[in-house]
């Protein structure tokens, strides 16, 4: 027999590709038949994110420039996709991502050195892109009618619009028209548009886990940057117009990723109570990973509030703890709150022992005397310009060097800055701006308190809004923080989420004058799995 091997002919390339395609289809059908629970999908996403993070870190070490370019490219493409979806009316995803990246808004921007605009600020930043994309998508692409807004909240929105008109009219007196227009746009118009988008269109209950995760990430980023600023004495992320604040030239009072340190403290205070509200709404059955993330976020938000060392913020936390102790009915939880009050008081006592100079400075009566002198100066300015004020953002330039507005109290001079939200509004925009501004705050408080009548969850919402309100206003009577665009955006966003949560409660009883359109109960897109429980 001849010695030879029997050779089997190889299949052709199309046949091989056909077999591979059939195997892939069988594998996809097998995966489709595998029923995965929400928890399993969450764990799968967490594992994928861990692997992707490890690969990103390894790539950054081995080939840093290529890795950085790849990350920037992927992030930019993803953001453009989210903007396109927002313009189509599906803005929920981009808003949640904005919440997570909120502290970095100043840095995710296009600079404006080559246009007629203040060179230290950007024309296009993350806040403006997200809010305007959500608003345009809402009015251009939504197929159904918006959610009906109760009358008291509508009136608050109209009065806020009237305040915006008065502020814009007073900008003509400002030495820098463009800078005044920028601040008015960021601090007055954007919060109004964002509130309307959330209340009218955002399905808050479906997106609560995603919002909670994003808010935790936001607090962690801010606290990390602020802590690094304290340790190094330098700002790792220097926002336009920001500076490193020192006490006695050696103790850093950080501003974190924000322009001012009072913005860091107040955003931290609002974030603290916002996270506590979101965690309560998620219920007791959450994953261990979410519980850990929550407590890290709460600690980060508390650090944000306390690291700048504002007496008013510490006083706010103490007042809220006392109120919450009486509000809480369960004995064990009351005991925990009493323990926290004792810990906060003990912290103040330790500071008085370890840093007596700092303690004396923070409790000195000279600070109060300076505020009294400042109120006298503000009163003189208002009397001379009662109708439309002296111009938006014009107080310091207007009174500096003018002997007619020199004021002092018990030997302490006025700091030539309003140091009070109401004093700043009434002196710079006059009665025409002050009245709608004050009425807006009162109507907002009344609208949130009224929720207690319409739903069982209204008690929870009204309680946490009171904490938001105290955080914003106790410091607002000692600092001029009312024009801070990022603070106003965060404060209004948290308030709108709390408000919409109650409006969509199953047991909500709509006020008599309101009718909820049938189209308001549409089901929006799913939350990204990376943010869900």
Protein backbone atom coordinates (compact mmCIF):
# COMPACT_ATOMS: atom_id res chain seq x y z
CA UNK A 1 0.00 0.00 0.00
CA UNK A 2 1.43 3.38 -0.88
CA UNK A 3 2.57 5.48 2.05
CA UNK A 4 0.54 8.62 1.87
CA UNK A 5 -1.73 10.72 4.13
CA UNK A 6 -5.34 11.35 3.46
CA UNK A 7 -5.78 15.13 3.36
CA UNK A 8 -9.13 16.60 4.29
CA UNK A 9 -9.91 19.72 2.31
CA UNK A 10 -10.22 22.88 4.46
CA UNK A 11 -13.55 24.69 4.36
CA UNK A 12 -13.68 27.93 2.49
CA UNK A 13 -13.49 31.29 4.29
CA UNK A 14 -17.23 32.13 3.88
CA UNK A 15 -18.15 28.80 5.49
CA UNK A 16 -15.82 29.49 8.44
CA UNK A 17 -17.29 32.96 8.94
CA UNK A 18 -20.75 31.43 8.81
CA UNK A 19 -19.89 29.01 11.59
CA UNK A 20 -18.44 31.83 13.72
CA UNK A 21 -21.51 33.98 13.16
CA UNK A 22 -23.80 31.06 14.13
CA UNK A 23 -21.79 30.47 17.29
CA UNK A 24 -22.05 34.18 18.19
CA UNK A 25 -25.79 34.13 17.67
CA UNK A 26 -26.13 31.04 19.85
CA UNK A 27 -24.08 32.78 22.56
CA UNK A 28 -26.23 35.92 22.38
CA UNK A 29 -29.40 33.80 22.60
CA UNK A 30 -27.94 32.02 25.61
CA UNK A 31 -27.21 35.35 27.30
CA UNK A 32 -30.69 36.54 26.46
CA UNK A 33 -32.17 33.50 28.20
CA UNK A 34 -30.12 34.26 31.33
CA UNK A 35 -32.37 36.35 33.59
CA UNK A 36 -30.29 38.91 35.48
CA UNK A 37 -31.64 40.78 38.45
CA UNK A 38 -31.03 44.49 38.96
CA UNK A 39 -28.46 43.72 41.67
CA UNK A 40 -26.56 41.36 39.35
CA UNK A 41 -26.51 43.95 36.59
CA UNK A 42 -25.27 46.54 39.09
CA UNK A 43 -22.45 44.25 40.22
CA UNK A 44 -21.56 43.58 36.58
CA UNK A 45 -21.34 47.32 35.92
CA UNK A 46 -19.25 47.81 39.07
CA UNK A 47 -16.84 45.07 37.95
CA UNK A 48 -16.63 46.61 34.48
CA UNK A 49 -15.91 50.04 35.95
CA UNK A 50 -13.21 48.59 38.23
CA UNK A 51 -11.55 46.86 35.28
CA UNK A 52 -11.82 49.99 33.14
CA UNK A 53 -10.38 52.09 35.98
CA UNK A 54 -7.47 49.67 36.41
CA UNK A 55 -6.72 49.75 32.72
CA UNK A 56 -6.90 53.55 32.73
CA UNK A 57 -4.46 53.80 35.64
CA UNK A 58 -2.07 51.31 34.03
CA UNK A 59 -2.25 53.15 30.71
CA UNK A 60 -1.61 56.49 32.44
CA UNK A 61 1.56 55.08 34.01
CA UNK A 62 2.91 53.31 30.94
CA UNK A 63 1.91 55.75 28.19
CA UNK A 64 0.57 58.86 29.96
CA UNK A 65 0.18 61.17 26.97
CA UNK A 66 -1.66 58.64 24.81
CA UNK A 67 -3.84 57.59 27.74
CA UNK A 68 -4.74 61.20 28.53
CA UNK A 69 -5.59 61.88 24.89
CA UNK A 70 -7.76 58.74 24.75
CA UNK A 71 -9.61 59.69 27.95
CA UNK A 72 -10.25 63.24 26.74
CA UNK A 73 -11.44 61.99 23.36
CA UNK A 74 -13.81 59.40 24.83
CA UNK A 75 -15.17 61.86 27.40
CA UNK A 76 -15.75 64.51 24.75
CA UNK A 77 -17.57 62.09 22.44
CA UNK A 78 -19.70 60.82 25.32
CA UNK A 79 -20.56 64.37 26.34
CA UNK A 80 -21.53 65.32 22.79
CA UNK A 81 -23.82 62.28 22.63
CA UNK A 82 -25.46 63.35 25.89
CA UNK A 83 -25.93 66.90 24.57
CA UNK A 84 -27.52 65.54 21.40
CA UNK A 85 -29.91 63.41 23.48
CA UNK A 86 -30.74 66.41 25.66
CA UNK A 87 -31.63 68.48 22.60
CA UNK A 88 -33.97 65.64 21.61
CA UNK A 89 -35.74 65.94 24.97
CA UNK A 90 -33.91 63.15 26.81
CA UNK A 91 -31.89 65.34 29.14
CA UNK A 92 -32.05 63.17 32.27
CA UNK A 93 -28.70 61.48 31.60
CA UNK A 94 -26.74 64.68 31.04
CA UNK A 95 -28.23 66.26 34.18
CA UNK A 96 -27.15 63.28 36.30
CA UNK A 97 -23.63 63.44 34.82
CA UNK A 98 -23.61 67.19 35.49
CA UNK A 99 -24.40 66.53 39.15
CA UNK A 100 -21.37 64.21 39.41
CA UNK A 101 -19.05 66.67 37.61
CA UNK A 102 -20.59 69.78 39.22
CA UNK A 103 -17.39 70.89 41.06
CA UNK A 104 -15.45 70.80 37.77
CA UNK A 105 -17.76 73.10 35.82
CA UNK A 106 -15.27 75.98 35.80
CA UNK A 107 -12.60 73.75 34.31
CA UNK A 108 -14.72 72.04 31.65
CA UNK A 109 -15.08 75.26 29.68
CA UNK A 110 -13.99 77.12 26.57
CA UNK A 111 -11.92 80.21 27.50
CA UNK A 112 -12.79 83.63 26.18
CA UNK A 113 -9.46 85.43 25.81
CA UNK A 114 -10.11 86.33 22.16
CA UNK A 115 -13.61 87.77 22.51
CA UNK A 116 -15.13 90.82 24.12
CA UNK A 117 -15.73 89.22 27.50
CA UNK A 118 -13.89 89.27 30.86
CA UNK A 119 -10.73 87.32 30.12
CA UNK A 120 -10.70 85.39 33.41
CA UNK A 121 -14.08 83.80 32.66
CA UNK A 122 -15.36 81.46 29.99
CA UNK A 123 -18.29 81.95 27.65
CA UNK A 124 -19.20 78.26 27.49
CA UNK A 125 -18.92 76.12 30.61
CA UNK A 126 -20.55 72.91 31.80
CA UNK A 127 -23.33 74.60 33.77
CA UNK A 128 -24.51 76.68 30.84
CA UNK A 129 -24.30 73.87 28.29
CA UNK A 130 -26.25 71.39 30.44
CA UNK A 131 -28.99 73.78 31.56
CA UNK A 132 -29.51 75.35 28.16
CA UNK A 133 -29.48 71.96 26.39
CA UNK A 134 -32.06 70.61 28.85
CA UNK A 135 -34.23 73.71 28.45
CA UNK A 136 -34.08 73.72 24.66
CA UNK A 137 -34.78 70.00 24.54
CA UNK A 138 -37.77 70.50 26.83
CA UNK A 139 -39.42 73.21 24.75
CA UNK A 140 -38.53 71.86 21.30
CA UNK A 141 -38.73 68.08 21.53
CA UNK A 142 -41.14 67.09 24.28
CA UNK A 143 -44.21 65.42 22.71
CA UNK A 144 -46.50 65.79 25.74
CA UNK A 145 -47.58 68.62 28.01
CA UNK A 146 -45.33 69.50 30.97
CA UNK A 147 -46.15 68.54 34.53
CA UNK A 148 -48.53 71.07 36.05
CA UNK A 149 -46.77 73.33 38.56
CA UNK A 150 -48.84 74.41 41.61
CA UNK A 151 -49.86 78.05 41.71
CA UNK A 152 -47.65 79.14 44.60
CA UNK A 153 -44.52 77.80 42.93
CA UNK A 154 -45.52 79.43 39.62
CA UNK A 155 -45.86 82.77 41.39
CA UNK A 156 -42.44 82.33 42.94
CA UNK A 157 -41.00 81.74 39.46
CA UNK A 158 -42.71 84.83 38.06
CA UNK A 159 -41.45 87.01 40.90
CA UNK A 160 -37.93 85.65 40.42
CA UNK A 161 -38.23 86.63 36.76
CA UNK A 162 -39.28 90.14 37.84
CA UNK A 163 -36.20 90.33 40.06
CA UNK A 164 -34.07 89.27 37.09
CA UNK A 165 -35.54 92.09 35.00
CA UNK A 166 -34.74 94.62 37.73
CA UNK A 167 -31.21 93.25 38.07
CA UNK A 168 -30.66 93.54 34.32
CA UNK A 169 -31.97 97.12 34.36
CA UNK A 170 -29.51 98.04 37.12
CA UNK A 171 -26.56 96.58 35.18
CA UNK A 172 -26.48 99.80 33.14
CA UNK A 173 -25.05 101.52 36.25
CA UNK A 174 -22.38 98.88 36.72
CA UNK A 175 -18.80 99.78 35.68
CA UNK A 176 -18.48 96.42 33.90
CA UNK A 177 -21.60 95.69 31.91
CA UNK A 178 -20.38 92.35 30.54
CA UNK A 179 -19.29 91.03 33.91
CA UNK A 180 -22.62 92.04 35.46
CA UNK A 181 -24.50 90.38 32.61
CA UNK A 182 -22.50 87.18 33.08
CA UNK A 183 -23.18 87.02 36.83
CA UNK A 184 -26.88 87.80 36.35
CA UNK A 185 -27.16 85.09 33.70
CA UNK A 186 -25.46 82.47 35.90
CA UNK A 187 -27.06 83.32 39.23
CA UNK A 188 -30.57 84.37 38.18
CA UNK A 189 -31.56 82.91 34.80
CA UNK A 190 -29.87 79.47 34.85
CA UNK A 191 -31.35 78.40 38.22
CA UNK A 192 -34.81 79.38 37.00
CA UNK A 193 -34.47 77.34 33.79
CA UNK A 194 -33.06 74.34 35.66
CA UNK A 195 -35.90 74.40 38.20
CA UNK A 196 -38.49 74.45 35.43
CA UNK A 197 -36.87 71.53 33.62
CA UNK A 198 -36.76 69.40 36.77
CA UNK A 199 -40.28 70.18 37.96
CA UNK A 200 -41.93 70.03 34.53
CA UNK A 201 -40.16 67.05 32.95
CA UNK A 202 -37.72 65.17 35.19
CA UNK A 203 -39.00 61.82 36.53
CA UNK A 204 -37.23 62.21 39.86
CA UNK A 205 -38.42 58.97 41.43
CA UNK A 206 -37.02 56.83 38.63
CA UNK A 207 -33.65 58.59 38.79
CA UNK A 208 -33.22 58.81 42.59
CA UNK A 209 -30.43 56.15 42.78
CA UNK A 210 -28.53 57.84 39.96
CA UNK A 211 -28.86 61.28 41.55
CA UNK A 212 -27.71 59.90 44.91
CA UNK A 213 -24.61 58.30 43.39
CA UNK A 214 -23.76 61.44 41.42
CA UNK A 215 -24.23 63.71 44.46
CA UNK A 216 -21.88 61.50 46.50
CA UNK A 217 -19.24 61.68 43.76
CA UNK A 218 -19.62 65.46 43.60
CA UNK A 219 -19.11 65.86 47.36
CA UNK A 220 -16.09 63.54 47.36
CA UNK A 221 -14.40 65.51 44.54
CA UNK A 222 -14.97 68.84 46.29
CA UNK A 223 -13.78 67.64 49.70
CA UNK A 224 -10.69 66.00 48.21
CA UNK A 225 -9.65 69.19 46.42
CA UNK A 226 -10.29 71.27 49.56
CA UNK A 227 -8.29 68.88 51.77
CA UNK A 228 -5.40 68.92 49.30
CA UNK A 229 -5.51 72.72 49.39
CA UNK A 230 -5.17 72.67 53.19
CA UNK A 231 -2.28 70.18 53.13
CA UNK A 232 -0.25 71.78 50.35
CA UNK A 233 -1.24 75.42 50.81
CA UNK A 234 -1.88 75.63 47.08
CA UNK A 235 -4.96 75.24 44.93
CA UNK A 236 -4.80 72.15 42.75
CA UNK A 237 -7.73 73.47 40.72
CA UNK A 238 -7.64 77.24 40.53
CA UNK A 239 -11.03 78.56 39.44
CA UNK A 240 -11.08 81.88 37.52
CA UNK A 241 -10.93 84.73 40.02
CA UNK A 242 -10.30 82.38 42.96
CA UNK A 243 -7.64 82.83 45.60
CA UNK A 244 -6.20 80.85 48.49
CA UNK A 245 -7.58 82.29 51.73
CA UNK A 246 -5.41 82.28 54.85
CA UNK A 247 -5.98 83.02 58.50
CA UNK A 248 -2.94 84.63 60.18
CA UNK A 249 -0.96 83.67 57.03
CA UNK A 250 -0.63 80.01 58.01
CA UNK A 251 -4.10 78.43 58.36
CA UNK A 252 -5.70 77.76 55.00
CA UNK A 253 -9.43 78.37 54.61
CA UNK A 254 -9.96 76.39 51.40
CA UNK A 255 -12.25 77.27 48.54
CA UNK A 256 -11.87 73.82 46.96
CA UNK A 257 -12.81 73.77 43.28
CA UNK A 258 -15.03 76.86 43.65
CA UNK A 259 -14.29 80.57 43.37
CA UNK A 260 -14.90 81.46 47.04
CA UNK A 261 -14.67 79.57 50.30
CA UNK A 262 -18.20 80.52 51.30
CA UNK A 263 -19.42 78.75 48.15
CA UNK A 264 -17.57 75.59 49.25
CA UNK A 265 -19.10 75.77 52.72
CA UNK A 266 -22.68 76.46 51.61
CA UNK A 267 -22.67 73.93 48.76
CA UNK A 268 -21.29 71.43 51.26
CA UNK A 269 -24.09 72.19 53.72
CA UNK A 270 -26.79 71.83 51.09
CA UNK A 271 -25.13 68.64 49.79
CA UNK A 272 -25.13 67.14 53.29
CA UNK A 273 -28.88 67.50 53.74
CA UNK A 274 -29.57 66.62 50.11
CA UNK A 275 -27.70 63.31 50.52
CA UNK A 276 -29.57 62.55 53.73
CA UNK A 277 -32.88 63.20 51.94
CA UNK A 278 -31.94 61.00 48.97
CA UNK A 279 -30.80 58.17 51.24
CA UNK A 280 -34.10 58.27 53.12
CA UNK A 281 -36.10 58.05 49.89
CA UNK A 282 -34.12 55.02 48.69
CA UNK A 283 -35.43 52.96 51.61
CA UNK A 284 -33.64 50.54 53.94
CA UNK A 285 -32.88 47.84 51.35
CA UNK A 286 -29.82 49.07 49.50
CA UNK A 287 -26.56 47.38 48.64
CA UNK A 288 -23.51 47.49 50.89
CA UNK A 289 -21.61 49.42 48.21
CA UNK A 290 -24.28 52.13 48.16
CA UNK A 291 -24.31 52.39 51.96
CA UNK A 292 -20.54 52.82 52.00
CA UNK A 293 -20.67 55.38 49.19
CA UNK A 294 -23.38 57.27 51.06
CA UNK A 295 -21.43 57.60 54.28
CA UNK A 296 -18.27 58.62 52.44
CA UNK A 297 -20.34 61.27 50.62
CA UNK A 298 -21.89 62.48 53.91
CA UNK A 299 -18.46 62.80 55.54
CA UNK A 300 -17.16 64.62 52.47
CA UNK A 301 -20.09 67.06 52.48
CA UNK A 302 -19.61 67.70 56.21
CA UNK A 303 -15.93 68.40 55.57
CA UNK A 304 -16.85 70.81 52.78
CA UNK A 305 -19.12 72.71 55.16
CA UNK A 306 -16.64 72.95 58.06
CA UNK A 307 -13.21 73.24 56.43
CA UNK A 308 -13.58 76.96 55.46
CA UNK A 309 -14.26 77.72 59.18
CA UNK A 310 -17.35 79.91 58.86
CA UNK A 311 -19.07 80.51 62.20
CA UNK A 312 -22.42 80.85 60.50
CA UNK A 313 -22.13 77.40 58.90
CA UNK A 314 -21.16 75.76 62.19
CA UNK A 315 -24.10 77.55 63.83
CA UNK A 316 -26.38 76.29 61.07
CA UNK A 317 -25.35 72.67 61.64
CA UNK A 318 -25.94 73.07 65.37
CA UNK A 319 -29.38 74.66 64.86
CA UNK A 320 -30.38 71.93 62.38
CA UNK A 321 -29.29 69.20 64.79
CA UNK A 322 -31.40 70.76 67.55
CA UNK A 323 -34.43 71.09 65.28
CA UNK A 324 -34.01 67.54 63.98
CA UNK A 325 -33.79 66.20 67.53
CA UNK A 326 -37.25 67.57 68.28
CA UNK A 327 -38.55 66.59 64.83
CA UNK A 328 -37.46 62.96 65.25
CA UNK A 329 -39.83 60.75 67.24
CA UNK A 330 -37.79 57.59 67.64
CA UNK A 331 -35.84 57.50 70.91
CA UNK A 332 -32.70 55.87 69.52
CA UNK A 333 -32.39 58.38 66.69
CA UNK A 334 -32.93 61.24 69.11
CA UNK A 335 -30.11 59.91 71.25
CA UNK A 336 -27.80 59.84 68.21
CA UNK A 337 -28.64 63.45 67.45
CA UNK A 338 -27.98 64.51 71.02
CA UNK A 339 -24.61 62.74 70.78
CA UNK A 340 -23.82 64.65 67.58
CA UNK A 341 -24.73 67.93 69.27
CA UNK A 342 -22.35 67.07 72.10
CA UNK A 343 -19.61 66.16 69.61
CA UNK A 344 -20.02 69.48 67.79
CA UNK A 345 -19.88 71.46 71.03
CA UNK A 346 -16.86 69.38 72.11
CA UNK A 347 -15.13 70.24 68.83
CA UNK A 348 -15.53 73.95 69.57
CA UNK A 349 -14.09 73.46 73.06
CA UNK A 350 -11.11 71.56 71.64
CA UNK A 351 -10.44 74.37 69.19
CA UNK A 352 -10.48 76.87 72.07
CA UNK A 353 -7.78 74.78 73.80
CA UNK A 354 -5.59 73.75 70.85
CA UNK A 355 -5.88 76.96 68.80
CA UNK A 356 -6.83 79.77 71.19
CA UNK A 357 -5.89 82.53 68.71
CA UNK A 358 -8.12 81.02 66.05
CA UNK A 359 -10.95 80.57 68.54
CA UNK A 360 -10.70 84.18 69.75
CA UNK A 361 -10.69 85.46 66.17
CA UNK A 362 -13.71 83.38 65.20
CA UNK A 363 -15.68 84.47 68.33
CA UNK A 364 -14.45 88.06 68.58
CA UNK A 365 -17.05 90.81 68.96
CA UNK A 366 -15.15 92.88 66.38
CA UNK A 367 -16.72 90.77 63.65
CA UNK A 368 -20.18 91.70 64.90
CA UNK A 369 -19.20 95.36 65.21
CA UNK A 370 -17.97 95.33 61.62
CA UNK A 371 -21.28 93.89 60.43
CA UNK A 372 -23.21 96.60 62.32
CA UNK A 373 -21.05 99.29 60.71
CA UNK A 374 -21.66 97.69 57.34
CA UNK A 375 -25.43 97.75 57.83
CA UNK A 376 -25.20 101.49 58.56
CA UNK A 377 -23.21 102.04 55.36
CA UNK A 378 -25.69 99.95 53.34
CA UNK A 379 -28.58 101.98 54.78
CA UNK A 380 -27.00 105.24 53.65
CA UNK A 381 -26.50 103.90 50.14
CA UNK A 382 -30.11 102.74 49.95
CA UNK A 383 -31.51 106.07 51.17
CA UNK A 384 -29.59 107.90 48.44
CA UNK A 385 -30.61 105.44 45.67
CA UNK A 386 -33.92 103.82 46.69
CA UNK A 387 -35.58 103.01 43.36
CA UNK A 388 -33.10 101.09 41.19
CA UNK A 389 -30.04 101.04 43.43
CA UNK A 390 -26.45 101.81 42.52
CA UNK A 391 -26.00 99.06 39.95
CA UNK A 392 -25.58 95.30 39.89
CA UNK A 393 -22.25 94.21 41.49
CA UNK A 394 -21.30 97.85 42.04
CA UNK A 395 -21.36 98.29 45.84
CA UNK A 396 -17.64 98.08 46.59
CA UNK A 397 -16.56 100.34 43.71
CA UNK A 398 -19.30 102.82 44.55
CA UNK A 399 -18.55 103.35 48.26
CA UNK A 400 -14.76 102.96 48.26
CA UNK A 401 -13.09 106.34 48.76
CA UNK A 402 -16.36 108.25 49.19
CA UNK A 403 -16.33 110.04 52.59
CA UNK A 404 -20.11 110.32 52.52
CA UNK A 405 -20.39 106.57 53.03
CA UNK A 406 -17.73 106.21 55.72
CA UNK A 407 -19.18 104.19 58.61
CA UNK A 408 -17.86 102.66 61.83
CA UNK A 409 -19.20 101.12 65.01
CA UNK A 410 -17.27 101.06 68.29
CA UNK A 411 -14.10 101.81 66.40
CA UNK A 412 -14.52 99.08 63.79
CA UNK A 413 -14.77 100.27 60.18
CA UNK A 414 -17.27 98.96 57.65
CA UNK A 415 -15.57 96.55 55.19
CA UNK A 416 -17.11 98.30 52.13
CA UNK A 417 -18.92 95.09 51.13
CA UNK A 418 -22.58 94.36 51.92
CA UNK A 419 -21.89 91.05 53.77
CA UNK A 420 -25.61 90.39 53.63
CA UNK A 421 -27.72 89.07 50.77
CA UNK A 422 -30.68 91.36 51.46
CA UNK A 423 -28.46 94.43 51.92
CA UNK A 424 -26.71 93.69 48.63
CA UNK A 425 -29.99 93.27 46.75
CA UNK A 426 -31.65 96.41 48.13
CA UNK A 427 -28.59 98.65 47.62
CA UNK A 428 -27.68 97.42 44.14
CA UNK A 429 -31.15 96.85 42.60
CA UNK A 430 -33.29 99.12 44.80
CA UNK A 431 -36.89 98.56 45.79
CA UNK A 432 -37.72 97.33 42.27
CA UNK A 433 -35.40 94.38 42.75
CA UNK A 434 -35.69 93.87 46.50
CA UNK A 435 -39.46 93.39 46.71
CA UNK A 436 -39.73 90.56 44.12
CA UNK A 437 -36.55 88.96 45.50
CA UNK A 438 -37.91 88.87 49.06
CA UNK A 439 -41.36 87.73 47.92
CA UNK A 440 -39.76 84.91 45.93
CA UNK A 441 -38.01 83.57 49.03
CA UNK A 442 -41.19 83.75 51.12
CA UNK A 443 -43.33 82.10 48.43
CA UNK A 444 -40.73 79.36 47.94
CA UNK A 445 -40.74 78.65 51.67
CA UNK A 446 -44.56 78.68 51.70
CA UNK A 447 -44.81 76.37 48.67
CA UNK A 448 -42.46 73.81 50.21
CA UNK A 449 -44.21 73.97 53.59
CA UNK A 450 -47.59 73.56 51.87
CA UNK A 451 -46.51 70.13 50.58
CA UNK A 452 -47.24 68.71 54.04
CA UNK A 453 -50.95 69.01 53.23
CA UNK A 454 -50.87 67.02 50.01
CA UNK A 455 -48.81 63.88 50.68
CA UNK A 456 -47.31 61.81 53.47
CA UNK A 457 -43.89 62.37 51.88
CA UNK A 458 -44.52 66.11 52.14
CA UNK A 459 -43.38 66.05 55.77
CA UNK A 460 -40.02 64.61 54.75
CA UNK A 461 -39.64 67.10 51.91
CA UNK A 462 -40.60 70.15 53.96
CA UNK A 463 -38.20 69.15 56.75
CA UNK A 464 -35.19 68.88 54.46
CA UNK A 465 -36.10 72.04 52.58
CA UNK A 466 -36.14 73.90 55.89
CA UNK A 467 -32.58 72.66 56.37
CA UNK A 468 -31.64 73.83 52.85
CA UNK A 469 -33.23 77.19 53.60
CA UNK A 470 -31.42 77.64 56.93
CA UNK A 471 -28.09 76.67 55.34
CA UNK A 472 -28.55 79.23 52.59
CA UNK A 473 -29.90 82.07 54.71
CA UNK A 474 -28.13 81.94 58.08
CA UNK A 475 -24.87 82.49 56.23
CA UNK A 476 -26.71 84.72 53.75
CA UNK A 477 -27.24 87.24 56.56
CA UNK A 478 -23.48 87.37 57.19
CA UNK A 479 -22.02 86.96 53.67
CA UNK A 480 -22.86 88.30 50.20
CA UNK A 481 -23.45 84.88 48.62
CA UNK A 482 -26.69 85.56 46.74
CA UNK A 483 -24.95 86.18 43.41
CA UNK A 484 -22.92 82.98 43.41
CA UNK A 485 -24.07 81.13 40.30
CA UNK A 486 -22.96 77.64 41.33
CA UNK A 487 -24.42 77.96 44.82
CA UNK A 488 -27.77 79.11 43.43
CA UNK A 489 -27.79 76.30 40.86
CA UNK A 490 -27.09 73.62 43.48
CA UNK A 491 -29.57 75.07 45.99
CA UNK A 492 -32.35 75.32 43.41
CA UNK A 493 -31.61 71.90 41.91
CA UNK A 494 -31.83 70.21 45.32
CA UNK A 495 -35.04 72.10 46.08
CA UNK A 496 -36.60 71.18 42.72
CA UNK A 497 -35.75 67.48 43.18
CA UNK A 498 -37.34 67.46 46.65
CA UNK A 499 -40.42 69.30 45.33
CA UNK A 500 -40.90 67.01 42.34
CA UNK A 501 -40.49 63.95 44.57
CA UNK A 502 -43.62 64.97 46.48
CA UNK A 503 -45.60 66.00 43.39
CA UNK A 504 -45.19 62.49 41.96
CA UNK A 505 -46.02 60.63 45.19
CA UNK A 506 -48.73 57.94 44.76
CA UNK A 507 -50.84 59.54 47.51
CA UNK A 508 -50.36 63.12 46.31
CA UNK A 509 -53.55 65.18 46.39
CA UNK A 510 -53.36 67.90 43.78
CA UNK A 511 -54.44 71.41 44.89
CA UNK A 512 -57.91 72.41 43.75
CA UNK A 513 -56.72 74.94 41.20
CA UNK A 514 -54.35 72.48 39.50
CA UNK A 515 -55.00 69.75 36.96
CA UNK A 516 -52.19 67.34 36.07
CA UNK A 517 -52.10 66.63 32.30
CA UNK A 518 -52.31 63.00 31.34
CA UNK A 519 -49.17 63.30 29.23
CA UNK A 520 -47.11 64.19 32.29
CA UNK A 521 -46.95 60.57 33.36
CA UNK A 522 -44.71 59.47 30.51
CA UNK A 523 -41.84 57.07 31.21
CA UNK A 524 -38.44 58.61 30.44
CA UNK A 525 -35.32 56.75 29.48
CA UNK A 526 -33.65 54.42 31.94
CA UNK A 527 -30.88 55.70 34.20
CA UNK A 528 -27.35 54.65 33.26
CA UNK A 529 -26.67 51.35 35.00
CA UNK A 530 -23.39 52.67 36.37
CA UNK A 531 -25.37 55.07 38.57
CA UNK A 532 -28.19 52.71 39.61
CA UNK A 533 -28.42 50.58 42.68
